[in-house]
């Protein structure tokens, strides 16, 4: 898994799914920044906390019983995949349609129409 990272550009949220496709191995569960790349819009900490809460909720009983398996760890990954992907897609949309177009403007800076709604 770790040898998949060849260039720091792979840690860009524009890459589908972030840098690693496999977030689970026996005895290992990647969450937060280790599991998914986020853009510079500072949403990564929110997802990391949500990952930790989901992991705690799913793993508490198996950890107490000493019965954590790869399947148990994959439950955490399955639970967190959809919210992570949606957040990444939203960030990419904002980057491409709001931030990039605003920064590309060479004239007087005007607030993007989407930002006016906020």
PDB file of N, CA and C in Angstrom:
ATOM      1  N   UNK A   1       0.824  -1.190   0.000  1.00  0.00           N
ATOM      2  CA  UNK A   1       0.000   0.000   0.000  1.00  0.00           C
ATOM      3  C   UNK A   1       0.867   1.253   0.000  1.00  0.00           C
ATOM      4  N   UNK A   2       1.853   1.351   0.885  1.00  0.00           N
ATOM      5  CA  UNK A   2       2.633   2.582   1.030  1.00  0.00           C
ATOM      6  C   UNK A   2       3.511   2.847  -0.177  1.00  0.00           C
ATOM      7  N   UNK A   3       3.883   1.810  -0.911  1.00  0.00           N
ATOM      8  CA  UNK A   3       4.728   2.034  -2.081  1.00  0.00           C
ATOM      9  C   UNK A   3       3.945   2.574  -3.267  1.00  0.00           C
ATOM     10  N   UNK A   4       2.632   2.803  -3.119  1.00  0.00           N
ATOM     11  CA  UNK A   4       1.827   3.393  -4.190  1.00  0.00           C
ATOM     12  C   UNK A   4       2.076   4.884  -4.333  1.00  0.00           C
ATOM     13  N   UNK A   5       2.570   5.539  -3.288  1.00  0.00           N
ATOM     14  CA  UNK A   5       2.821   6.978  -3.332  1.00  0.00           C
ATOM     15  C   UNK A   5       4.147   7.223  -4.039  1.00  0.00           C
ATOM     16  N   UNK A   6       4.069   7.828  -5.224  1.00  0.00           N
ATOM     17  CA  UNK A   6       5.262   8.078  -6.030  1.00  0.00           C
ATOM     18  C   UNK A   6       5.602   9.570  -6.105  1.00  0.00           C
ATOM     19  N   UNK A   7       4.591  10.414  -5.862  1.00  0.00           N
ATOM     20  CA  UNK A   7       4.769  11.850  -6.028  1.00  0.00           C
ATOM     21  C   UNK A   7       3.820  12.555  -5.070  1.00  0.00           C
ATOM     22  N   UNK A   8       4.251  13.685  -4.503  1.00  0.00           N
ATOM     23  CA  UNK A   8       3.400  14.410  -3.562  1.00  0.00           C
ATOM     24  C   UNK A   8       2.116  14.902  -4.212  1.00  0.00           C
ATOM     25  N   UNK A   9       2.094  15.049  -5.537  1.00  0.00           N
ATOM     26  CA  UNK A   9       0.871  15.472  -6.218  1.00  0.00           C
ATOM     27  C   UNK A   9      -0.251  14.449  -6.065  1.00  0.00           C
ATOM     28  N   UNK A  10       0.088  13.210  -5.724  1.00  0.00           N
ATOM     29  CA  UNK A  10      -0.932  12.189  -5.521  1.00  0.00           C
ATOM     30  C   UNK A  10      -1.785  12.487  -4.289  1.00  0.00           C
ATOM     31  N   UNK A  11      -1.342  13.373  -3.441  1.00  0.00           N
ATOM     32  CA  UNK A  11      -2.087  13.724  -2.242  1.00  0.00           C
ATOM     33  C   UNK A  11      -3.071  14.851  -2.496  1.00  0.00           C
ATOM     34  N   UNK A  12      -3.461  15.037  -3.733  1.00  0.00           N
ATOM     35  CA  UNK A  12      -4.393  16.077  -4.133  1.00  0.00           C
ATOM     36  C   UNK A  12      -5.793  15.486  -4.191  1.00  0.00           C
ATOM     37  N   UNK A  13      -6.773  16.205  -3.677  1.00  0.00           N
ATOM     38  CA  UNK A  13      -8.154  15.698  -3.648  1.00  0.00           C
ATOM     39  C   UNK A  13      -8.729  15.517  -5.049  1.00  0.00           C
ATOM     40  N   UNK A  14      -8.105  16.101  -6.072  1.00  0.00           N
ATOM     41  CA  UNK A  14      -8.605  15.910  -7.434  1.00  0.00           C
ATOM     42  C   UNK A  14      -8.439  14.464  -7.891  1.00  0.00           C
ATOM     43  N   UNK A  15      -7.549  13.728  -7.251  1.00  0.00           N
ATOM     44  CA  UNK A  15      -7.397  12.306  -7.566  1.00  0.00           C
ATOM     45  C   UNK A  15      -8.587  11.556  -6.990  1.00  0.00           C
ATOM     46  N   UNK A  16      -9.242  10.762  -7.797  1.00  0.00           N
ATOM     47  CA  UNK A  16     -10.395   9.996  -7.332  1.00  0.00           C
ATOM     48  C   UNK A  16     -10.000   9.101  -6.172  1.00  0.00           C
ATOM     49  N   UNK A  17     -10.613   9.340  -5.041  1.00  0.00           N
ATOM     50  CA  UNK A  17     -10.398   8.465  -3.899  1.00  0.00           C
ATOM     51  C   UNK A  17      -9.151   8.749  -3.101  1.00  0.00           C
ATOM     52  N   UNK A  18      -8.398   9.776  -3.442  1.00  0.00           N
ATOM     53  CA  UNK A  18      -7.192  10.055  -2.689  1.00  0.00           C
ATOM     54  C   UNK A  18      -6.063   9.129  -3.092  1.00  0.00           C
ATOM     55  N   UNK A  19      -5.017   9.097  -2.303  1.00  0.00           N
ATOM     56  CA  UNK A  19      -3.818   8.393  -2.722  1.00  0.00           C
ATOM     57  C   UNK A  19      -3.876   6.878  -2.631  1.00  0.00           C
ATOM     58  N   UNK A  20      -4.667   6.306  -1.728  1.00  0.00           N
ATOM     59  CA  UNK A  20      -4.652   4.869  -1.521  1.00  0.00           C
ATOM     60  C   UNK A  20      -6.033   4.276  -1.711  1.00  0.00           C
ATOM     61  N   UNK A  21      -6.111   3.201  -2.460  1.00  0.00           N
ATOM     62  CA  UNK A  21      -7.388   2.524  -2.646  1.00  0.00           C
ATOM     63  C   UNK A  21      -7.676   1.590  -1.473  1.00  0.00           C
ATOM     64  N   UNK A  22      -6.635   1.009  -0.876  1.00  0.00           N
ATOM     65  CA  UNK A  22      -6.795   0.082   0.230  1.00  0.00           C
ATOM     66  C   UNK A  22      -6.492   0.794   1.528  1.00  0.00           C
ATOM     67  N   UNK A  23      -7.476   0.887   2.405  1.00  0.00           N
ATOM     68  CA  UNK A  23      -7.302   1.579   3.674  1.00  0.00           C
ATOM     69  C   UNK A  23      -7.268   0.608   4.842  1.00  0.00           C
ATOM     70  N   UNK A  24      -7.437  -0.681   4.545  1.00  0.00           N
ATOM     71  CA  UNK A  24      -7.534  -1.687   5.589  1.00  0.00           C
ATOM     72  C   UNK A  24      -6.622  -2.858   5.256  1.00  0.00           C
ATOM     73  N   UNK A  25      -5.915  -3.307   6.256  1.00  0.00           N
ATOM     74  CA  UNK A  25      -5.163  -4.561   6.217  1.00  0.00           C
ATOM     75  C   UNK A  25      -5.257  -5.173   7.601  1.00  0.00           C
ATOM     76  N   UNK A  26      -4.877  -6.409   7.732  1.00  0.00           N
ATOM     77  CA  UNK A  26      -4.903  -7.035   9.050  1.00  0.00           C
ATOM     78  C   UNK A  26      -4.119  -6.187  10.045  1.00  0.00           C
ATOM     79  N   UNK A  27      -4.799  -5.736  11.085  1.00  0.00           N
ATOM     80  CA  UNK A  27      -4.154  -4.935  12.118  1.00  0.00           C
ATOM     81  C   UNK A  27      -3.972  -3.478  11.783  1.00  0.00           C
ATOM     82  N   UNK A  28      -4.489  -3.008  10.639  1.00  0.00           N
ATOM     83  CA  UNK A  28      -4.302  -1.620  10.222  1.00  0.00           C
ATOM     84  C   UNK A  28      -5.596  -1.046   9.663  1.00  0.00           C
ATOM     85  N   UNK A  29      -5.966   0.114  10.157  1.00  0.00           N
ATOM     86  CA  UNK A  29      -7.105   0.865   9.629  1.00  0.00           C
ATOM     87  C   UNK A  29      -6.646   2.306   9.465  1.00  0.00           C
ATOM     88  N   UNK A  30      -6.628   2.795   8.240  1.00  0.00           N
ATOM     89  CA  UNK A  30      -6.263   4.187   7.976  1.00  0.00           C
ATOM     90  C   UNK A  30      -7.519   5.045   8.033  1.00  0.00           C
ATOM     91  N   UNK A  31      -7.457   6.129   8.806  1.00  0.00           N
ATOM     92  CA  UNK A  31      -8.556   7.085   8.874  1.00  0.00           C
ATOM     93  C   UNK A  31      -7.976   8.483   8.754  1.00  0.00           C
ATOM     94  N   UNK A  32      -8.851   9.469   8.605  1.00  0.00           N
ATOM     95  CA  UNK A  32      -8.391  10.858   8.531  1.00  0.00           C
ATOM     96  C   UNK A  32      -7.486  11.094   7.331  1.00  0.00           C
ATOM     97  N   UNK A  33      -6.449  11.905   7.528  1.00  0.00           N
ATOM     98  CA  UNK A  33      -5.540  12.246   6.432  1.00  0.00           C
ATOM     99  C   UNK A  33      -4.827  11.031   5.854  1.00  0.00           C
ATOM    100  N   UNK A  34      -4.641  10.007   6.641  1.00  0.00           N
ATOM    101  CA  UNK A  34      -3.999   8.788   6.140  1.00  0.00           C
ATOM    102  C   UNK A  34      -4.896   8.039   5.164  1.00  0.00           C
ATOM    103  N   UNK A  35      -6.192   8.316   5.209  1.00  0.00           N
ATOM    104  CA  UNK A  35      -7.146   7.586   4.385  1.00  0.00           C
ATOM    105  C   UNK A  35      -7.629   8.360   3.173  1.00  0.00           C
ATOM    106  N   UNK A  36      -7.695   9.682   3.284  1.00  0.00           N
ATOM    107  CA  UNK A  36      -8.276  10.446   2.181  1.00  0.00           C
ATOM    108  C   UNK A  36      -7.665  11.834   2.102  1.00  0.00           C
ATOM    109  N   UNK A  37      -7.347  12.209   0.888  1.00  0.00           N
ATOM    110  CA  UNK A  37      -6.820  13.555   0.649  1.00  0.00           C
ATOM    111  C   UNK A  37      -7.976  14.536   0.568  1.00  0.00           C
ATOM    112  N   UNK A  38      -7.758  15.709   1.069  1.00  0.00           N
ATOM    113  CA  UNK A  38      -8.748  16.774   0.995  1.00  0.00           C
ATOM    114  C   UNK A  38      -8.102  17.994   0.358  1.00  0.00           C
ATOM    115  N   UNK A  39      -8.933  18.852  -0.185  1.00  0.00           N
ATOM    116  CA  UNK A  39      -8.407  20.081  -0.768  1.00  0.00           C
ATOM    117  C   UNK A  39      -8.012  21.033   0.349  1.00  0.00           C
ATOM    118  N   UNK A  40      -7.564  22.192  -0.031  1.00  0.00           N
ATOM    119  CA  UNK A  40      -7.125  23.181   0.940  1.00  0.00           C
ATOM    120  C   UNK A  40      -8.283  23.964   1.546  1.00  0.00           C
ATOM    121  N   UNK A  41      -9.491  23.445   1.472  1.00  0.00           N
ATOM    122  CA  UNK A  41     -10.654  24.142   2.008  1.00  0.00           C
ATOM    123  C   UNK A  41     -10.921  23.782   3.466  1.00  0.00           C
ATOM    124  N   UNK A  42      -9.962  23.134   4.106  1.00  0.00           N
ATOM    125  CA  UNK A  42      -9.977  22.869   5.547  1.00  0.00           C
ATOM    126  C   UNK A  42     -11.163  22.036   6.015  1.00  0.00           C
ATOM    127  N   UNK A  43     -11.564  21.041   5.249  1.00  0.00           N
ATOM    128  CA  UNK A  43     -12.634  20.132   5.687  1.00  0.00           C
ATOM    129  C   UNK A  43     -12.050  18.824   6.211  1.00  0.00           C
ATOM    130  N   UNK A  44     -10.763  18.626   6.035  1.00  0.00           N
ATOM    131  CA  UNK A  44     -10.136  17.362   6.419  1.00  0.00           C
ATOM    132  C   UNK A  44     -10.281  17.042   7.891  1.00  0.00           C
ATOM    133  N   UNK A  45     -10.154  18.051   8.750  1.00  0.00           N
ATOM    134  CA  UNK A  45     -10.252  17.789  10.187  1.00  0.00           C
ATOM    135  C   UNK A  45     -11.651  17.314  10.561  1.00  0.00           C
ATOM    136  N   UNK A  46     -12.667  17.849   9.910  1.00  0.00           N
ATOM    137  CA  UNK A  46     -14.037  17.409  10.190  1.00  0.00           C
ATOM    138  C   UNK A  46     -14.228  15.942   9.814  1.00  0.00           C
ATOM    139  N   UNK A  47     -13.725  15.567   8.647  1.00  0.00           N
ATOM    140  CA  UNK A  47     -13.840  14.167   8.230  1.00  0.00           C
ATOM    141  C   UNK A  47     -13.011  13.259   9.118  1.00  0.00           C
ATOM    142  N   UNK A  48     -11.841  13.719   9.555  1.00  0.00           N
ATOM    143  CA  UNK A  48     -10.997  12.909  10.428  1.00  0.00           C
ATOM    144  C   UNK A  48     -11.707  12.614  11.751  1.00  0.00           C
ATOM    145  N   UNK A  49     -12.368  13.617  12.301  1.00  0.00           N
ATOM    146  CA  UNK A  49     -13.113  13.418  13.550  1.00  0.00           C
ATOM    147  C   UNK A  49     -14.280  12.459  13.319  1.00  0.00           C
ATOM    148  N   UNK A  50     -14.985  12.630  12.207  1.00  0.00           N
ATOM    149  CA  UNK A  50     -16.088  11.724  11.893  1.00  0.00           C
ATOM    150  C   UNK A  50     -15.584  10.297  11.693  1.00  0.00           C
ATOM    151  N   UNK A  51     -14.423  10.150  11.046  1.00  0.00           N
ATOM    152  CA  UNK A  51     -13.815   8.823  10.878  1.00  0.00           C
ATOM    153  C   UNK A  51     -13.532   8.191  12.234  1.00  0.00           C
ATOM    154  N   UNK A  52     -12.962   8.982  13.146  1.00  0.00           N
ATOM    155  CA  UNK A  52     -12.604   8.466  14.468  1.00  0.00           C
ATOM    156  C   UNK A  52     -13.848   8.035  15.247  1.00  0.00           C
ATOM    157  N   UNK A  53     -14.912   8.823  15.156  1.00  0.00           N
ATOM    158  CA  UNK A  53     -16.157   8.477  15.857  1.00  0.00           C
ATOM    159  C   UNK A  53     -16.751   7.196  15.271  1.00  0.00           C
ATOM    160  N   UNK A  54     -16.787   7.106  13.950  1.00  0.00           N
ATOM    161  CA  UNK A  54     -17.318   5.896  13.312  1.00  0.00           C
ATOM    162  C   UNK A  54     -16.479   4.676  13.692  1.00  0.00           C
ATOM    163  N   UNK A  55     -15.150   4.838  13.673  1.00  0.00           N
ATOM    164  CA  UNK A  55     -14.270   3.724  14.041  1.00  0.00           C
ATOM    165  C   UNK A  55     -14.512   3.301  15.486  1.00  0.00           C
ATOM    166  N   UNK A  56     -14.625   4.270  16.379  1.00  0.00           N
ATOM    167  CA  UNK A  56     -14.864   3.943  17.793  1.00  0.00           C
ATOM    168  C   UNK A  56     -16.193   3.204  17.967  1.00  0.00           C
ATOM    169  N   UNK A  57     -17.228   3.682  17.322  1.00  0.00           N
ATOM    170  CA  UNK A  57     -18.546   3.051  17.453  1.00  0.00           C
ATOM    171  C   UNK A  57     -18.566   1.631  16.907  1.00  0.00           C
ATOM    172  N   UNK A  58     -17.897   1.425  15.801  1.00  0.00           N
ATOM    173  CA  UNK A  58     -17.903   0.101  15.170  1.00  0.00           C
ATOM    174  C   UNK A  58     -16.940  -0.860  15.872  1.00  0.00           C
ATOM    175  N   UNK A  59     -15.825  -0.348  16.366  1.00  0.00           N
ATOM    176  CA  UNK A  59     -14.780  -1.217  16.894  1.00  0.00           C
ATOM    177  C   UNK A  59     -14.831  -1.459  18.401  1.00  0.00           C
ATOM    178  N   UNK A  60     -15.614  -0.693  19.138  1.00  0.00           N
ATOM    179  CA  UNK A  60     -15.572  -0.794  20.596  1.00  0.00           C
ATOM    180  C   UNK A  60     -15.832  -2.218  21.091  1.00  0.00           C
ATOM    181  N   UNK A  61     -16.883  -2.845  20.657  1.00  0.00           N
ATOM    182  CA  UNK A  61     -17.189  -4.198  21.136  1.00  0.00           C
ATOM    183  C   UNK A  61     -16.192  -5.240  20.628  1.00  0.00           C
ATOM    184  N   UNK A  62     -15.855  -5.241  19.321  1.00  0.00           N
ATOM    185  CA  UNK A  62     -14.851  -6.205  18.868  1.00  0.00           C
ATOM    186  C   UNK A  62     -13.481  -6.019  19.551  1.00  0.00           C
ATOM    187  N   UNK A  63     -13.100  -4.772  19.836  1.00  0.00           N
ATOM    188  CA  UNK A  63     -11.838  -4.557  20.537  1.00  0.00           C
ATOM    189  C   UNK A  63     -11.898  -5.124  21.954  1.00  0.00           C
ATOM    190  N   UNK A  64     -12.990  -4.890  22.643  1.00  0.00           N
ATOM    191  CA  UNK A  64     -13.146  -5.440  24.004  1.00  0.00           C
ATOM    192  C   UNK A  64     -13.123  -6.961  24.001  1.00  0.00           C
ATOM    193  N   UNK A  65     -13.726  -7.549  22.980  1.00  0.00           N
ATOM    194  CA  UNK A  65     -13.801  -9.008  22.892  1.00  0.00           C
ATOM    195  C   UNK A  65     -12.553  -9.625  22.263  1.00  0.00           C
ATOM    196  N   UNK A  66     -11.690  -8.769  21.701  1.00  0.00           N
ATOM    197  CA  UNK A  66     -10.489  -9.288  21.026  1.00  0.00           C
ATOM    198  C   UNK A  66     -10.802 -10.014  19.740  1.00  0.00           C
ATOM    199  N   UNK A  67     -11.864  -9.566  19.059  1.00  0.00           N
ATOM    200  CA  UNK A  67     -12.315 -10.256  17.842  1.00  0.00           C
ATOM    201  C   UNK A  67     -12.273  -9.359  16.604  1.00  0.00           C
ATOM    202  N   UNK A  68     -11.386  -8.388  16.583  1.00  0.00           N
ATOM    203  CA  UNK A  68     -11.296  -7.503  15.420  1.00  0.00           C
ATOM    204  C   UNK A  68     -10.702  -8.278  14.251  1.00  0.00           C
ATOM    205  N   UNK A  69     -11.414  -8.234  13.132  1.00  0.00           N
ATOM    206  CA  UNK A  69     -10.954  -8.893  11.905  1.00  0.00           C
ATOM    207  C   UNK A  69     -10.847  -7.851  10.798  1.00  0.00           C
ATOM    208  N   UNK A  70     -10.311  -8.263   9.681  1.00  0.00           N
ATOM    209  CA  UNK A  70     -10.261  -7.372   8.523  1.00  0.00           C
ATOM    210  C   UNK A  70     -11.674  -6.960   8.128  1.00  0.00           C
ATOM    211  N   UNK A  71     -12.626  -7.883   8.218  1.00  0.00           N
ATOM    212  CA  UNK A  71     -14.012  -7.551   7.891  1.00  0.00           C
ATOM    213  C   UNK A  71     -14.546  -6.467   8.827  1.00  0.00           C
ATOM    214  N   UNK A  72     -14.186  -6.537  10.103  1.00  0.00           N
ATOM    215  CA  UNK A  72     -14.601  -5.508  11.055  1.00  0.00           C
ATOM    216  C   UNK A  72     -14.040  -4.153  10.650  1.00  0.00           C
ATOM    217  N   UNK A  73     -12.772  -4.127  10.275  1.00  0.00           N
ATOM    218  CA  UNK A  73     -12.134  -2.880   9.849  1.00  0.00           C
ATOM    219  C   UNK A  73     -12.751  -2.358   8.560  1.00  0.00           C
ATOM    220  N   UNK A  74     -13.118  -3.269   7.665  1.00  0.00           N
ATOM    221  CA  UNK A  74     -13.743  -2.855   6.408  1.00  0.00           C
ATOM    222  C   UNK A  74     -15.113  -2.232   6.635  1.00  0.00           C
ATOM    223  N   UNK A  75     -15.780  -2.580   7.724  1.00  0.00           N
ATOM    224  CA  UNK A  75     -17.060  -1.940   8.052  1.00  0.00           C
ATOM    225  C   UNK A  75     -16.869  -0.443   8.269  1.00  0.00           C
ATOM    226  N   UNK A  76     -15.768  -0.078   8.908  1.00  0.00           N
ATOM    227  CA  UNK A  76     -15.472   1.343   9.109  1.00  0.00           C
ATOM    228  C   UNK A  76     -15.248   2.009   7.761  1.00  0.00           C
ATOM    229  N   UNK A  77     -14.453   1.373   6.911  1.00  0.00           N
ATOM    230  CA  UNK A  77     -14.188   1.941   5.585  1.00  0.00           C
ATOM    231  C   UNK A  77     -15.478   2.100   4.793  1.00  0.00           C
ATOM    232  N   UNK A  78     -16.330   1.080   4.804  1.00  0.00           N
ATOM    233  CA  UNK A  78     -17.596   1.168   4.066  1.00  0.00           C
ATOM    234  C   UNK A  78     -18.477   2.286   4.622  1.00  0.00           C
ATOM    235  N   UNK A  79     -18.488   2.444   5.935  1.00  0.00           N
ATOM    236  CA  UNK A  79     -19.311   3.487   6.564  1.00  0.00           C
ATOM    237  C   UNK A  79     -18.843   4.881   6.186  1.00  0.00           C
ATOM    238  N   UNK A  80     -17.547   5.074   5.992  1.00  0.00           N
ATOM    239  CA  UNK A  80     -16.993   6.404   5.763  1.00  0.00           C
ATOM    240  C   UNK A  80     -16.762   6.730   4.293  1.00  0.00           C
ATOM    241  N   UNK A  81     -16.888   5.781   3.408  1.00  0.00           N
ATOM    242  CA  UNK A  81     -16.590   6.021   1.990  1.00  0.00           C
ATOM    243  C   UNK A  81     -17.523   7.060   1.380  1.00  0.00           C
ATOM    244  N   UNK A  82     -18.823   6.904   1.535  1.00  0.00           N
ATOM    245  CA  UNK A  82     -19.763   7.830   0.887  1.00  0.00           C
ATOM    246  C   UNK A  82     -19.582   9.278   1.362  1.00  0.00           C
ATOM    247  N   UNK A  83     -19.582   9.557   2.680  1.00  0.00           N
ATOM    248  CA  UNK A  83     -19.411  10.957   3.092  1.00  0.00           C
ATOM    249  C   UNK A  83     -18.077  11.551   2.630  1.00  0.00           C
ATOM    250  N   UNK A  84     -17.047  10.739   2.626  1.00  0.00           N
ATOM    251  CA  UNK A  84     -15.734  11.233   2.179  1.00  0.00           C
ATOM    252  C   UNK A  84     -15.762  11.578   0.698  1.00  0.00           C
ATOM    253  N   UNK A  85     -16.296  10.694  -0.127  1.00  0.00           N
ATOM    254  CA  UNK A  85     -16.359  10.942  -1.573  1.00  0.00           C
ATOM    255  C   UNK A  85     -17.204  12.180  -1.884  1.00  0.00           C
ATOM    256  N   UNK A  86     -18.321  12.320  -1.198  1.00  0.00           N
ATOM    257  CA  UNK A  86     -19.188  13.482  -1.447  1.00  0.00           C
ATOM    258  C   UNK A  86     -18.491  14.782  -1.041  1.00  0.00           C
ATOM    259  N   UNK A  87     -17.793  14.770   0.063  1.00  0.00           N
ATOM    260  CA  UNK A  87     -17.056  15.958   0.490  1.00  0.00           C
ATOM    261  C   UNK A  87     -15.964  16.297  -0.511  1.00  0.00           C
ATOM    262  N   UNK A  88     -15.230  15.285  -0.977  1.00  0.00           N
ATOM    263  CA  UNK A  88     -14.194  15.520  -1.982  1.00  0.00           C
ATOM    264  C   UNK A  88     -14.791  16.095  -3.258  1.00  0.00           C
ATOM    265  N   UNK A  89     -15.894  15.554  -3.710  1.00  0.00           N
ATOM    266  CA  UNK A  89     -16.526  16.051  -4.950  1.00  0.00           C
ATOM    267  C   UNK A  89     -17.006  17.489  -4.786  1.00  0.00           C
ATOM    268  N   UNK A  90     -17.573  17.796  -3.633  1.00  0.00           N
ATOM    269  CA  UNK A  90     -18.010  19.164  -3.369  1.00  0.00           C
ATOM    270  C   UNK A  90     -16.813  20.112  -3.379  1.00  0.00           C
ATOM    271  N   UNK A  91     -15.730  19.714  -2.753  1.00  0.00           N
ATOM    272  CA  UNK A  91     -14.532  20.554  -2.726  1.00  0.00           C
ATOM    273  C   UNK A  91     -13.972  20.774  -4.124  1.00  0.00           C
ATOM    274  N   UNK A  92     -13.954  19.743  -4.930  1.00  0.00           N
ATOM    275  CA  UNK A  92     -13.460  19.874  -6.306  1.00  0.00           C
ATOM    276  C   UNK A  92     -14.363  20.825  -7.094  1.00  0.00           C
ATOM    277  N   UNK A  93     -15.684  20.699  -6.914  1.00  0.00           N
ATOM    278  CA  UNK A  93     -16.611  21.590  -7.606  1.00  0.00           C
ATOM    279  C   UNK A  93     -16.366  23.048  -7.197  1.00  0.00           C
ATOM    280  N   UNK A  94     -16.213  23.305  -5.912  1.00  0.00           N
ATOM    281  CA  UNK A  94     -15.969  24.665  -5.436  1.00  0.00           C
ATOM    282  C   UNK A  94     -14.634  25.176  -5.977  1.00  0.00           C
ATOM    283  N   UNK A  95     -13.613  24.339  -5.959  1.00  0.00           N
ATOM    284  CA  UNK A  95     -12.297  24.741  -6.476  1.00  0.00           C
ATOM    285  C   UNK A  95     -12.381  25.130  -7.948  1.00  0.00           C
ATOM    286  N   UNK A  96     -13.049  24.305  -8.743  1.00  0.00           N
ATOM    287  CA  UNK A  96     -13.108  24.548 -10.186  1.00  0.00           C
ATOM    288  C   UNK A  96     -14.048  25.687 -10.557  1.00  0.00           C
ATOM    289  N   UNK A  97     -15.178  25.803  -9.867  1.00  0.00           N
ATOM    290  CA  UNK A  97     -16.210  26.750 -10.275  1.00  0.00           C
ATOM    291  C   UNK A  97     -16.213  28.065  -9.515  1.00  0.00           C
ATOM    292  N   UNK A  98     -15.579  28.113  -8.378  1.00  0.00           N
ATOM    293  CA  UNK A  98     -15.590  29.340  -7.591  1.00  0.00           C
ATOM    294  C   UNK A  98     -14.182  29.896  -7.433  1.00  0.00           C
ATOM    295  N   UNK A  99     -13.326  29.138  -6.801  1.00  0.00           N
ATOM    296  CA  UNK A  99     -11.989  29.643  -6.488  1.00  0.00           C
ATOM    297  C   UNK A  99     -11.175  29.886  -7.750  1.00  0.00           C
ATOM    298  N   UNK A 100     -11.097  28.901  -8.634  1.00  0.00           N
ATOM    299  CA  UNK A 100     -10.293  29.054  -9.847  1.00  0.00           C
ATOM    300  C   UNK A 100     -10.785  30.188 -10.733  1.00  0.00           C
ATOM    301  N   UNK A 101     -12.098  30.305 -10.902  1.00  0.00           N
ATOM    302  CA  UNK A 101     -12.612  31.377 -11.758  1.00  0.00           C
ATOM    303  C   UNK A 101     -12.388  32.747 -11.122  1.00  0.00           C
ATOM    304  N   UNK A 102     -12.470  32.824  -9.811  1.00  0.00           N
ATOM    305  CA  UNK A 102     -12.224  34.097  -9.131  1.00  0.00           C
ATOM    306  C   UNK A 102     -10.761  34.491  -9.262  1.00  0.00           C
ATOM    307  N   UNK A 103      -9.854  33.551  -9.064  1.00  0.00           N
ATOM    308  CA  UNK A 103      -8.423  33.852  -9.148  1.00  0.00           C
ATOM    309  C   UNK A 103      -7.966  34.123 -10.582  1.00  0.00           C
ATOM    310  N   UNK A 104      -8.666  33.547 -11.566  1.00  0.00           N
ATOM    311  CA  UNK A 104      -8.297  33.751 -12.966  1.00  0.00           C
ATOM    312  C   UNK A 104      -8.716  35.120 -13.480  1.00  0.00           C
ATOM    313  N   UNK A 105      -9.620  35.770 -12.803  1.00  0.00           N
ATOM    314  CA  UNK A 105     -10.109  37.075 -13.218  1.00  0.00           C
ATOM    315  C   UNK A 105      -8.988  38.106 -13.103  1.00  0.00           C
ATOM    316  N   UNK A 106      -8.667  38.775 -14.202  1.00  0.00           N
ATOM    317  CA  UNK A 106      -7.597  39.776 -14.210  1.00  0.00           C
ATOM    318  C   UNK A 106      -8.117  41.189 -13.963  1.00  0.00           C
ATOM    319  N   UNK A 107      -9.410  41.352 -14.004  1.00  0.00           N
ATOM    320  CA  UNK A 107      -9.999  42.668 -13.777  1.00  0.00           C
ATOM    321  C   UNK A 107     -10.217  42.898 -12.290  1.00  0.00           C
ATOM    322  N   UNK A 108     -11.037  43.885 -11.970  1.00  0.00           N
ATOM    323  CA  UNK A 108     -11.353  44.138 -10.569  1.00  0.00           C
ATOM    324  C   UNK A 108     -11.979  42.890  -9.943  1.00  0.00           C
ATOM    325  N   UNK A 109     -11.588  42.572  -8.742  1.00  0.00           N
ATOM    326  CA  UNK A 109     -12.078  41.381  -8.069  1.00  0.00           C
ATOM    327  C   UNK A 109     -13.554  41.544  -7.721  1.00  0.00           C
ATOM    328  N   UNK A 110     -14.344  40.605  -8.206  1.00  0.00           N
ATOM    329  CA  UNK A 110     -15.770  40.596  -7.902  1.00  0.00           C
ATOM    330  C   UNK A 110     -16.108  39.258  -7.261  1.00  0.00           C
ATOM    331  N   UNK A 111     -17.008  39.309  -6.339  1.00  0.00           N
ATOM    332  CA  UNK A 111     -17.413  38.111  -5.634  1.00  0.00           C
ATOM    333  C   UNK A 111     -18.160  37.185  -6.590  1.00  0.00           C
ATOM    334  N   UNK A 112     -17.765  35.922  -6.618  1.00  0.00           N
ATOM    335  CA  UNK A 112     -18.404  34.916  -7.449  1.00  0.00           C
ATOM    336  C   UNK A 112     -19.873  34.802  -7.043  1.00  0.00           C
ATOM    337  N   UNK A 113     -20.744  34.511  -8.004  1.00  0.00           N
ATOM    338  CA  UNK A 113     -22.188  34.456  -7.755  1.00  0.00           C
ATOM    339  C   UNK A 113     -22.530  33.446  -6.667  1.00  0.00           C
ATOM    340  N   UNK A 114     -21.799  32.333  -6.607  1.00  0.00           N
ATOM    341  CA  UNK A 114     -22.088  31.317  -5.609  1.00  0.00           C
ATOM    342  C   UNK A 114     -21.756  31.822  -4.205  1.00  0.00           C
ATOM    343  N   UNK A 115     -20.682  32.575  -4.084  1.00  0.00           N
ATOM    344  CA  UNK A 115     -20.300  33.120  -2.789  1.00  0.00           C
ATOM    345  C   UNK A 115     -21.287  34.185  -2.316  1.00  0.00           C
ATOM    346  N   UNK A 116     -21.960  34.842  -3.245  1.00  0.00           N
ATOM    347  CA  UNK A 116     -22.957  35.851  -2.866  1.00  0.00           C
ATOM    348  C   UNK A 116     -24.161  35.221  -2.176  1.00  0.00           C
ATOM    349  N   UNK A 117     -24.393  33.946  -2.438  1.00  0.00           N
ATOM    350  CA  UNK A 117     -25.527  33.238  -1.838  1.00  0.00           C
ATOM    351  C   UNK A 117     -25.276  32.910  -0.369  1.00  0.00           C
ATOM    352  N   UNK A 118     -24.036  32.905   0.027  1.00  0.00           N
ATOM    353  CA  UNK A 118     -23.681  32.506   1.390  1.00  0.00           C
ATOM    354  C   UNK A 118     -23.875  33.623   2.378  1.00  0.00           C
TER     355      UNK A 118
END
